[in-house]
PDB file of N, CA and C in Angstrom:
ATOM      1  N   MET A   1     -18.321   7.553  13.481  1.00  0.00           N
ATOM      2  CA  MET A   1     -18.509   6.123  13.341  1.00  0.00           C
ATOM      3  C   MET A   1     -19.812   5.679  14.016  1.00  0.00           C
ATOM      4  N   TRP A   2     -20.085   6.249  15.198  1.00  0.00           N
ATOM      5  CA  TRP A   2     -21.300   5.878  15.916  1.00  0.00           C
ATOM      6  C   TRP A   2     -22.546   6.272  15.120  1.00  0.00           C
ATOM      7  N   PHE A   3     -22.501   7.411  14.413  1.00  0.00           N
ATOM      8  CA  PHE A   3     -23.636   7.852  13.613  1.00  0.00           C
ATOM      9  C   PHE A   3     -23.968   6.839  12.527  1.00  0.00           C
ATOM     10  N   ILE A   4     -22.968   6.342  11.856  1.00  0.00           N
ATOM     11  CA  ILE A   4     -23.192   5.361  10.781  1.00  0.00           C
ATOM     12  C   ILE A   4     -23.774   4.078  11.348  1.00  0.00           C
ATOM     13  N   PHE A   5     -23.242   3.614  12.460  1.00  0.00           N
ATOM     14  CA  PHE A   5     -23.739   2.389  13.084  1.00  0.00           C
ATOM     15  C   PHE A   5     -25.200   2.553  13.503  1.00  0.00           C
ATOM     16  N   SER A   6     -25.532   3.662  14.151  1.00  0.00           N
ATOM     17  CA  SER A   6     -26.917   3.872  14.592  1.00  0.00           C
ATOM     18  C   SER A   6     -27.837   4.075  13.396  1.00  0.00           C
ATOM     19  N   PHE A   7     -27.338   4.699  12.333  1.00  0.00           N
ATOM     20  CA  PHE A   7     -28.120   4.880  11.116  1.00  0.00           C
ATOM     21  C   PHE A   7     -28.468   3.531  10.492  1.00  0.00           C
ATOM     22  N   LEU A   8     -27.523   2.603  10.479  1.00  0.00           N
ATOM     23  CA  LEU A   8     -27.769   1.265   9.947  1.00  0.00           C
ATOM     24  C   LEU A   8     -28.749   0.483  10.817  1.00  0.00           C
ATOM     25  N   ILE A   9     -28.622   0.604  12.128  1.00  0.00           N
ATOM     26  CA  ILE A   9     -29.530  -0.116  13.033  1.00  0.00           C
ATOM     27  C   ILE A   9     -30.955   0.414  12.898  1.00  0.00           C
ATOM     28  N   VAL A  10     -31.116   1.734  12.905  1.00  0.00           N
ATOM     29  CA  VAL A  10     -32.449   2.319  12.742  1.00  0.00           C
ATOM     30  C   VAL A  10     -33.010   1.959  11.372  1.00  0.00           C
ATOM     31  N   GLY A  11     -32.183   1.972  10.340  1.00  0.00           N
ATOM     32  CA  GLY A  11     -32.629   1.584   9.007  1.00  0.00           C
ATOM     33  C   GLY A  11     -33.103   0.151   8.954  1.00  0.00           C
ATOM     34  N   PHE A  12     -32.386  -0.744   9.624  1.00  0.00           N
ATOM     35  CA  PHE A  12     -32.790  -2.147   9.631  1.00  0.00           C
ATOM     36  C   PHE A  12     -34.142  -2.321  10.314  1.00  0.00           C
ATOM     37  N   PHE A  13     -34.303  -1.720  11.495  1.00  0.00           N
ATOM     38  CA  PHE A  13     -35.565  -1.879  12.217  1.00  0.00           C
ATOM     39  C   PHE A  13     -36.727  -1.210  11.492  1.00  0.00           C
ATOM     40  N   ALA A  14     -36.485  -0.067  10.865  1.00  0.00           N
ATOM     41  CA  ALA A  14     -37.537   0.595  10.094  1.00  0.00           C
ATOM     42  C   ALA A  14     -37.943  -0.266   8.904  1.00  0.00           C
ATOM     43  N   GLY A  15     -36.976  -0.854   8.217  1.00  0.00           N
ATOM     44  CA  GLY A  15     -37.285  -1.743   7.099  1.00  0.00           C
ATOM     45  C   GLY A  15     -38.015  -2.989   7.543  1.00  0.00           C
ATOM     46  N   LEU A  16     -37.623  -3.527   8.681  1.00  0.00           N
ATOM     47  CA  LEU A  16     -38.266  -4.727   9.225  1.00  0.00           C
ATOM     48  C   LEU A  16     -39.723  -4.448   9.586  1.00  0.00           C
ATOM     49  N   ILE A  17     -39.978  -3.335  10.240  1.00  0.00           N
ATOM     50  CA  ILE A  17     -41.343  -2.980  10.623  1.00  0.00           C
ATOM     51  C   ILE A  17     -42.183  -2.670   9.384  1.00  0.00           C
ATOM     52  N   ALA A  18     -41.603  -1.992   8.409  1.00  0.00           N
ATOM     53  CA  ALA A  18     -42.334  -1.683   7.174  1.00  0.00           C
ATOM     54  C   ALA A  18     -42.701  -2.954   6.430  1.00  0.00           C
ATOM     55  N   ARG A  19     -41.777  -3.920   6.388  1.00  0.00           N
ATOM     56  CA  ARG A  19     -42.088  -5.201   5.737  1.00  0.00           C
ATOM     57  C   ARG A  19     -43.209  -5.918   6.460  1.00  0.00           C
ATOM     58  N   ALA A  20     -43.278  -5.786   7.777  1.00  0.00           N
ATOM     59  CA  ALA A  20     -44.348  -6.429   8.546  1.00  0.00           C
ATOM     60  C   ALA A  20     -45.689  -5.725   8.319  1.00  0.00           C
ATOM     61  N   LEU A  21     -45.673  -4.418   8.119  1.00  0.00           N
ATOM     62  CA  LEU A  21     -46.906  -3.666   7.923  1.00  0.00           C
ATOM     63  C   LEU A  21     -47.495  -3.843   6.532  1.00  0.00           C
ATOM     64  N   VAL A  22     -46.649  -3.997   5.530  1.00  0.00           N
ATOM     65  CA  VAL A  22     -47.100  -4.130   4.147  1.00  0.00           C
ATOM     66  C   VAL A  22     -46.962  -5.598   3.754  1.00  0.00           C
ATOM     67  N   SER A  23     -48.100  -6.238   3.536  1.00  0.00           N
ATOM     68  CA  SER A  23     -48.047  -7.659   3.211  1.00  0.00           C
ATOM     69  C   SER A  23     -47.642  -7.868   1.753  1.00  0.00           C
ATOM     70  N   GLY A  24     -47.217  -9.074   1.456  1.00  0.00           N
ATOM     71  CA  GLY A  24     -46.831  -9.412   0.104  1.00  0.00           C
ATOM     72  C   GLY A  24     -45.334  -9.538  -0.049  1.00  0.00           C
ATOM     73  N   PRO A  25     -44.893  -9.727  -1.291  1.00  0.00           N
ATOM     74  CA  PRO A  25     -43.456  -9.878  -1.519  1.00  0.00           C
ATOM     75  C   PRO A  25     -42.721  -8.570  -1.268  1.00  0.00           C
ATOM     76  N   GLY A  26     -41.549  -8.698  -0.752  1.00  0.00           N
ATOM     77  CA  GLY A  26     -40.740  -7.522  -0.460  1.00  0.00           C
ATOM     78  C   GLY A  26     -39.286  -7.912  -0.399  1.00  0.00           C
ATOM     79  N   PRO A  27     -38.440  -6.960  -0.105  1.00  0.00           N
ATOM     80  CA  PRO A  27     -37.009  -7.273  -0.031  1.00  0.00           C
ATOM     81  C   PRO A  27     -36.723  -8.223   1.121  1.00  0.00           C
ATOM     82  N   LYS A  28     -36.008  -9.269   0.841  1.00  0.00           N
ATOM     83  CA  LYS A  28     -35.651 -10.256   1.860  1.00  0.00           C
ATOM     84  C   LYS A  28     -34.168 -10.137   2.170  1.00  0.00           C
ATOM     85  N   GLY A  29     -33.825 -10.436   3.376  1.00  0.00           N
ATOM     86  CA  GLY A  29     -32.433 -10.436   3.771  1.00  0.00           C
ATOM     87  C   GLY A  29     -32.047  -9.195   4.545  1.00  0.00           C
ATOM     88  N   LEU A  30     -30.944  -9.304   5.231  1.00  0.00           N
ATOM     89  CA  LEU A  30     -30.454  -8.239   6.100  1.00  0.00           C
ATOM     90  C   LEU A  30     -30.091  -6.973   5.327  1.00  0.00           C
ATOM     91  N   ILE A  31     -29.366  -7.119   4.241  1.00  0.00           N
ATOM     92  CA  ILE A  31     -28.890  -5.949   3.498  1.00  0.00           C
ATOM     93  C   ILE A  31     -30.037  -5.228   2.805  1.00  0.00           C
ATOM     94  N   ARG A  32     -30.914  -5.968   2.158  1.00  0.00           N
ATOM     95  CA  ARG A  32     -32.037  -5.336   1.457  1.00  0.00           C
ATOM     96  C   ARG A  32     -33.006  -4.672   2.429  1.00  0.00           C
ATOM     97  N   THR A  33     -33.238  -5.290   3.576  1.00  0.00           N
ATOM     98  CA  THR A  33     -34.104  -4.694   4.585  1.00  0.00           C
ATOM     99  C   THR A  33     -33.489  -3.410   5.125  1.00  0.00           C
ATOM    100  N   THR A  34     -32.179  -3.416   5.350  1.00  0.00           N
ATOM    101  CA  THR A  34     -31.492  -2.223   5.844  1.00  0.00           C
ATOM    102  C   THR A  34     -31.527  -1.106   4.805  1.00  0.00           C
ATOM    103  N   ILE A  35     -31.310  -1.446   3.546  1.00  0.00           N
ATOM    104  CA  ILE A  35     -31.371  -0.442   2.475  1.00  0.00           C
ATOM    105  C   ILE A  35     -32.781   0.136   2.370  1.00  0.00           C
ATOM    106  N   LEU A  36     -33.792  -0.713   2.518  1.00  0.00           N
ATOM    107  CA  LEU A  36     -35.173  -0.240   2.505  1.00  0.00           C
ATOM    108  C   LEU A  36     -35.402   0.772   3.621  1.00  0.00           C
ATOM    109  N   GLY A  37     -34.920   0.472   4.814  1.00  0.00           N
ATOM    110  CA  GLY A  37     -35.089   1.392   5.940  1.00  0.00           C
ATOM    111  C   GLY A  37     -34.324   2.687   5.757  1.00  0.00           C
ATOM    112  N   ILE A  38     -33.131   2.618   5.195  1.00  0.00           N
ATOM    113  CA  ILE A  38     -32.339   3.829   4.965  1.00  0.00           C
ATOM    114  C   ILE A  38     -33.005   4.704   3.905  1.00  0.00           C
ATOM    115  N   LEU A  39     -33.468   4.100   2.818  1.00  0.00           N
ATOM    116  CA  LEU A  39     -34.212   4.867   1.820  1.00  0.00           C
ATOM    117  C   LEU A  39     -35.474   5.453   2.429  1.00  0.00           C
ATOM    118  N   GLY A  40     -36.140   4.667   3.262  1.00  0.00           N
ATOM    119  CA  GLY A  40     -37.331   5.141   3.951  1.00  0.00           C
ATOM    120  C   GLY A  40     -37.039   6.317   4.862  1.00  0.00           C
ATOM    121  N   SER A  41     -35.878   6.325   5.459  1.00  0.00           N
ATOM    122  CA  SER A  41     -35.496   7.432   6.324  1.00  0.00           C
ATOM    123  C   SER A  41     -35.401   8.736   5.540  1.00  0.00           C
ATOM    124  N   PHE A  42     -34.814   8.676   4.370  1.00  0.00           N
ATOM    125  CA  PHE A  42     -34.697   9.883   3.556  1.00  0.00           C
ATOM    126  C   PHE A  42     -36.040  10.292   2.956  1.00  0.00           C
ATOM    127  N   VAL A  43     -36.864   9.313   2.564  1.00  0.00           N
ATOM    128  CA  VAL A  43     -38.199   9.632   2.061  1.00  0.00           C
ATOM    129  C   VAL A  43     -39.036  10.234   3.194  1.00  0.00           C
ATOM    130  N   GLY A  44     -38.953   9.655   4.389  1.00  0.00           N
ATOM    131  CA  GLY A  44     -39.671  10.202   5.541  1.00  0.00           C
ATOM    132  C   GLY A  44     -39.192  11.602   5.894  1.00  0.00           C
ATOM    133  N   GLY A  45     -37.901  11.848   5.795  1.00  0.00           N
ATOM    134  CA  GLY A  45     -37.375  13.188   6.027  1.00  0.00           C
ATOM    135  C   GLY A  45     -37.883  14.186   5.006  1.00  0.00           C
ATOM    136  N   PHE A  46     -37.974  13.749   3.750  1.00  0.00           N
ATOM    137  CA  PHE A  46     -38.482  14.617   2.693  1.00  0.00           C
ATOM    138  C   PHE A  46     -39.960  14.916   2.902  1.00  0.00           C
ATOM    139  N   ILE A  47     -40.741  13.887   3.265  1.00  0.00           N
ATOM    140  CA  ILE A  47     -42.173  14.083   3.529  1.00  0.00           C
ATOM    141  C   ILE A  47     -42.363  15.032   4.712  1.00  0.00           C
ATOM    142  N   GLY A  48     -41.572  14.837   5.763  1.00  0.00           N
ATOM    143  CA  GLY A  48     -41.650  15.731   6.910  1.00  0.00           C
ATOM    144  C   GLY A  48     -41.282  17.156   6.547  1.00  0.00           C
ATOM    145  N   TYR A  49     -40.298  17.315   5.687  1.00  0.00           N
ATOM    146  CA  TYR A  49     -39.884  18.637   5.222  1.00  0.00           C
ATOM    147  C   TYR A  49     -41.015  19.312   4.445  1.00  0.00           C
ATOM    148  N   LEU A  50     -41.679  18.529   3.573  1.00  0.00           N
ATOM    149  CA  LEU A  50     -42.758  19.101   2.772  1.00  0.00           C
ATOM    150  C   LEU A  50     -43.984  19.443   3.609  1.00  0.00           C
ATOM    151  N   LEU A  51     -44.365  18.529   4.505  1.00  0.00           N
ATOM    152  CA  LEU A  51     -45.595  18.723   5.274  1.00  0.00           C
ATOM    153  C   LEU A  51     -45.430  19.695   6.435  1.00  0.00           C
ATOM    154  N   LEU A  52     -44.343  19.581   7.148  1.00  0.00           N
ATOM    155  CA  LEU A  52     -44.174  20.348   8.375  1.00  0.00           C
ATOM    156  C   LEU A  52     -43.309  21.580   8.208  1.00  0.00           C
ATOM    157  N   GLY A  53     -42.469  21.602   7.189  1.00  0.00           N
ATOM    158  CA  GLY A  53     -41.574  22.730   6.982  1.00  0.00           C
ATOM    159  C   GLY A  53     -40.507  22.847   8.061  1.00  0.00           C
ATOM    160  N   LYS A  54     -40.263  21.776   8.777  1.00  0.00           N
ATOM    161  CA  LYS A  54     -39.256  21.790   9.839  1.00  0.00           C
ATOM    162  C   LYS A  54     -37.872  21.642   9.231  1.00  0.00           C
ATOM    163  N   ASP A  55     -36.894  22.097   9.939  1.00  0.00           N
ATOM    164  CA  ASP A  55     -35.494  21.976   9.544  1.00  0.00           C
ATOM    165  C   ASP A  55     -35.243  22.490   8.136  1.00  0.00           C
ATOM    166  N   VAL A  56     -35.822  23.633   7.823  1.00  0.00           N
ATOM    167  CA  VAL A  56     -35.679  24.206   6.488  1.00  0.00           C
ATOM    168  C   VAL A  56     -34.213  24.515   6.197  1.00  0.00           C
ATOM    169  N   THR A  57     -33.445  24.826   7.235  1.00  0.00           N
ATOM    170  CA  THR A  57     -32.035  25.137   7.025  1.00  0.00           C
ATOM    171  C   THR A  57     -31.225  23.918   6.601  1.00  0.00           C
ATOM    172  N   GLU A  58     -31.717  22.709   6.938  1.00  0.00           N
ATOM    173  CA  GLU A  58     -31.016  21.489   6.548  1.00  0.00           C
ATOM    174  C   GLU A  58     -31.330  21.076   5.120  1.00  0.00           C
ATOM    175  N   GLY A  59     -32.383  21.587   4.540  1.00  0.00           N
ATOM    176  CA  GLY A  59     -32.750  21.251   3.173  1.00  0.00           C
ATOM    177  C   GLY A  59     -33.710  20.072   3.125  1.00  0.00           C
ATOM    178  N   ALA A  60     -34.152  19.738   1.911  1.00  0.00           N
ATOM    179  CA  ALA A  60     -35.153  18.701   1.735  1.00  0.00           C
ATOM    180  C   ALA A  60     -34.570  17.303   1.856  1.00  0.00           C
ATOM    181  N   PHE A  61     -33.278  17.137   1.652  1.00  0.00           N
ATOM    182  CA  PHE A  61     -32.648  15.808   1.684  1.00  0.00           C
ATOM    183  C   PHE A  61     -32.037  15.609   3.063  1.00  0.00           C
ATOM    184  N   GLN A  62     -32.821  15.011   3.967  1.00  0.00           N
ATOM    185  CA  GLN A  62     -32.370  14.803   5.328  1.00  0.00           C
ATOM    186  C   GLN A  62     -32.922  13.491   5.846  1.00  0.00           C
ATOM    187  N   SER A  63     -32.345  12.993   6.900  1.00  0.00           N
ATOM    188  CA  SER A  63     -32.829  11.748   7.486  1.00  0.00           C
ATOM    189  C   SER A  63     -33.948  12.056   8.465  1.00  0.00           C
ATOM    190  N   ALA A  64     -34.745  11.028   8.767  1.00  0.00           N
ATOM    191  CA  ALA A  64     -35.863  11.177   9.691  1.00  0.00           C
ATOM    192  C   ALA A  64     -35.617  10.300  10.908  1.00  0.00           C
ATOM    193  N   GLY A  65     -36.480  10.420  11.886  1.00  0.00           N
ATOM    194  CA  GLY A  65     -36.423   9.555  13.049  1.00  0.00           C
ATOM    195  C   GLY A  65     -37.013   8.193  12.725  1.00  0.00           C
ATOM    196  N   LEU A  66     -37.205   7.372  13.739  1.00  0.00           N
ATOM    197  CA  LEU A  66     -37.697   6.011  13.523  1.00  0.00           C
ATOM    198  C   LEU A  66     -39.095   6.015  12.908  1.00  0.00           C
ATOM    199  N   LEU A  67     -40.005   6.813  13.435  1.00  0.00           N
ATOM    200  CA  LEU A  67     -41.365   6.845  12.895  1.00  0.00           C
ATOM    201  C   LEU A  67     -41.377   7.348  11.451  1.00  0.00           C
ATOM    202  N   GLY A  68     -40.643   8.398  11.172  1.00  0.00           N
ATOM    203  CA  GLY A  68     -40.552   8.900   9.799  1.00  0.00           C
ATOM    204  C   GLY A  68     -39.906   7.896   8.870  1.00  0.00           C
ATOM    205  N   SER A  69     -38.929   7.145   9.395  1.00  0.00           N
ATOM    206  CA  SER A  69     -38.269   6.111   8.586  1.00  0.00           C
ATOM    207  C   SER A  69     -39.229   4.987   8.246  1.00  0.00           C
ATOM    208  N   ILE A  70     -40.066   4.599   9.198  1.00  0.00           N
ATOM    209  CA  ILE A  70     -41.045   3.538   8.945  1.00  0.00           C
ATOM    210  C   ILE A  70     -42.056   3.993   7.904  1.00  0.00           C
ATOM    211  N   ILE A  71     -42.574   5.203   8.064  1.00  0.00           N
ATOM    212  CA  ILE A  71     -43.540   5.730   7.097  1.00  0.00           C
ATOM    213  C   ILE A  71     -42.904   5.830   5.713  1.00  0.00           C
ATOM    214  N   GLY A  72     -41.685   6.319   5.653  1.00  0.00           N
ATOM    215  CA  GLY A  72     -40.986   6.412   4.373  1.00  0.00           C
ATOM    216  C   GLY A  72     -40.717   5.060   3.754  1.00  0.00           C
ATOM    217  N   ALA A  73     -40.355   4.059   4.580  1.00  0.00           N
ATOM    218  CA  ALA A  73     -40.100   2.712   4.067  1.00  0.00           C
ATOM    219  C   ALA A  73     -41.383   2.081   3.531  1.00  0.00           C
ATOM    220  N   VAL A  74     -42.513   2.342   4.187  1.00  0.00           N
ATOM    221  CA  VAL A  74     -43.795   1.845   3.668  1.00  0.00           C
ATOM    222  C   VAL A  74     -44.083   2.484   2.319  1.00  0.00           C
ATOM    223  N   VAL A  75     -43.827   3.768   2.185  1.00  0.00           N
ATOM    224  CA  VAL A  75     -44.032   4.461   0.902  1.00  0.00           C
ATOM    225  C   VAL A  75     -43.119   3.862  -0.166  1.00  0.00           C
ATOM    226  N   VAL A  76     -41.857   3.625   0.175  1.00  0.00           N
ATOM    227  CA  VAL A  76     -40.915   3.028  -0.780  1.00  0.00           C
ATOM    228  C   VAL A  76     -41.386   1.641  -1.201  1.00  0.00           C
ATOM    229  N   LEU A  77     -41.851   0.837  -0.248  1.00  0.00           N
ATOM    230  CA  LEU A  77     -42.359  -0.501  -0.579  1.00  0.00           C
ATOM    231  C   LEU A  77     -43.554  -0.431  -1.522  1.00  0.00           C
ATOM    232  N   LEU A  78     -44.479   0.454  -1.238  1.00  0.00           N
ATOM    233  CA  LEU A  78     -45.666   0.572  -2.088  1.00  0.00           C
ATOM    234  C   LEU A  78     -45.307   1.061  -3.487  1.00  0.00           C
ATOM    235  N   ILE A  79     -44.352   1.963  -3.586  1.00  0.00           N
ATOM    236  CA  ILE A  79     -43.925   2.455  -4.902  1.00  0.00           C
ATOM    237  C   ILE A  79     -43.218   1.356  -5.688  1.00  0.00           C
ATOM    238  N   THR A  80     -42.338   0.605  -5.034  1.00  0.00           N
ATOM    239  CA  THR A  80     -41.606  -0.443  -5.762  1.00  0.00           C
ATOM    240  C   THR A  80     -42.529  -1.561  -6.224  1.00  0.00           C
ATOM    241  N   ARG A  81     -43.622  -1.755  -5.553  1.00  0.00           N
ATOM    242  CA  ARG A  81     -44.577  -2.778  -6.003  1.00  0.00           C
ATOM    243  C   ARG A  81     -45.392  -2.312  -7.191  1.00  0.00           C
ATOM    244  N   ARG A  82     -45.538  -1.003  -7.360  1.00  0.00           N
ATOM    245  CA  ARG A  82     -46.281  -0.465  -8.486  1.00  0.00           C
ATOM    246  C   ARG A  82     -45.453  -0.406  -9.758  1.00  0.00           C
ATOM    247  N   VAL A  83     -44.146  -0.312  -9.629  1.00  0.00           N
ATOM    248  CA  VAL A  83     -43.264  -0.196 -10.790  1.00  0.00           C
ATOM    249  C   VAL A  83     -43.086  -1.578 -11.408  1.00  0.00           C
ATOM    250  N   PRO A  84     -43.421  -1.715 -12.692  1.00  0.00           N
ATOM    251  CA  PRO A  84     -43.230  -3.024 -13.332  1.00  0.00           C
ATOM    252  C   PRO A  84     -41.748  -3.370 -13.464  1.00  0.00           C
ATOM    253  N   ARG A  85     -41.439  -4.624 -13.266  1.00  0.00           N
ATOM    254  CA  ARG A  85     -40.051  -5.089 -13.381  1.00  0.00           C
ATOM    255  C   ARG A  85     -39.809  -5.670 -14.763  1.00  0.00           C
ATOM    256  N   ARG A  86     -38.614  -5.456 -15.235  1.00  0.00           N
ATOM    257  CA  ARG A  86     -38.229  -6.045 -16.525  1.00  0.00           C
ATOM    258  C   ARG A  86     -37.755  -7.463 -16.312  1.00  0.00           C
ATOM    259  N   SER A  87     -38.049  -8.301 -17.265  1.00  0.00           N
ATOM    260  CA  SER A  87     -37.544  -9.671 -17.178  1.00  0.00           C
ATOM    261  C   SER A  87     -36.141  -9.728 -17.762  1.00  0.00           C
ATOM    262  N   ALA A  88     -35.376 -10.701 -17.323  1.00  0.00           N
ATOM    263  CA  ALA A  88     -33.981 -10.819 -17.751  1.00  0.00           C
ATOM    264  C   ALA A  88     -33.840 -11.665 -19.018  1.00  0.00           C
ATOM    265  N   SER A  89     -34.898 -11.785 -19.791  1.00  0.00           N
ATOM    266  CA  SER A  89     -34.812 -12.633 -20.993  1.00  0.00           C
ATOM    267  C   SER A  89     -34.305 -11.916 -22.190  1.00  0.00           C
TER     268      SER A  89
END
């Protein structure tokens, strides 16, 4: 239970910092910011796995620390801004 709680807190702060670093429109609200940070954590873990080759036994799909989560969340934000959105018409 403590792991999930700390994962959500780190995800929220990583998403919050990433939103502050990348200007422009982004996910607003507590839930979207937390989801951004959690996705960033896995993207940061994947980037760390590719670049550093650390934790090879855990595989490519792993969580990262706070710094890796922030870097991953910035990458997720930049990617989502590049993807065109469909209109609901």
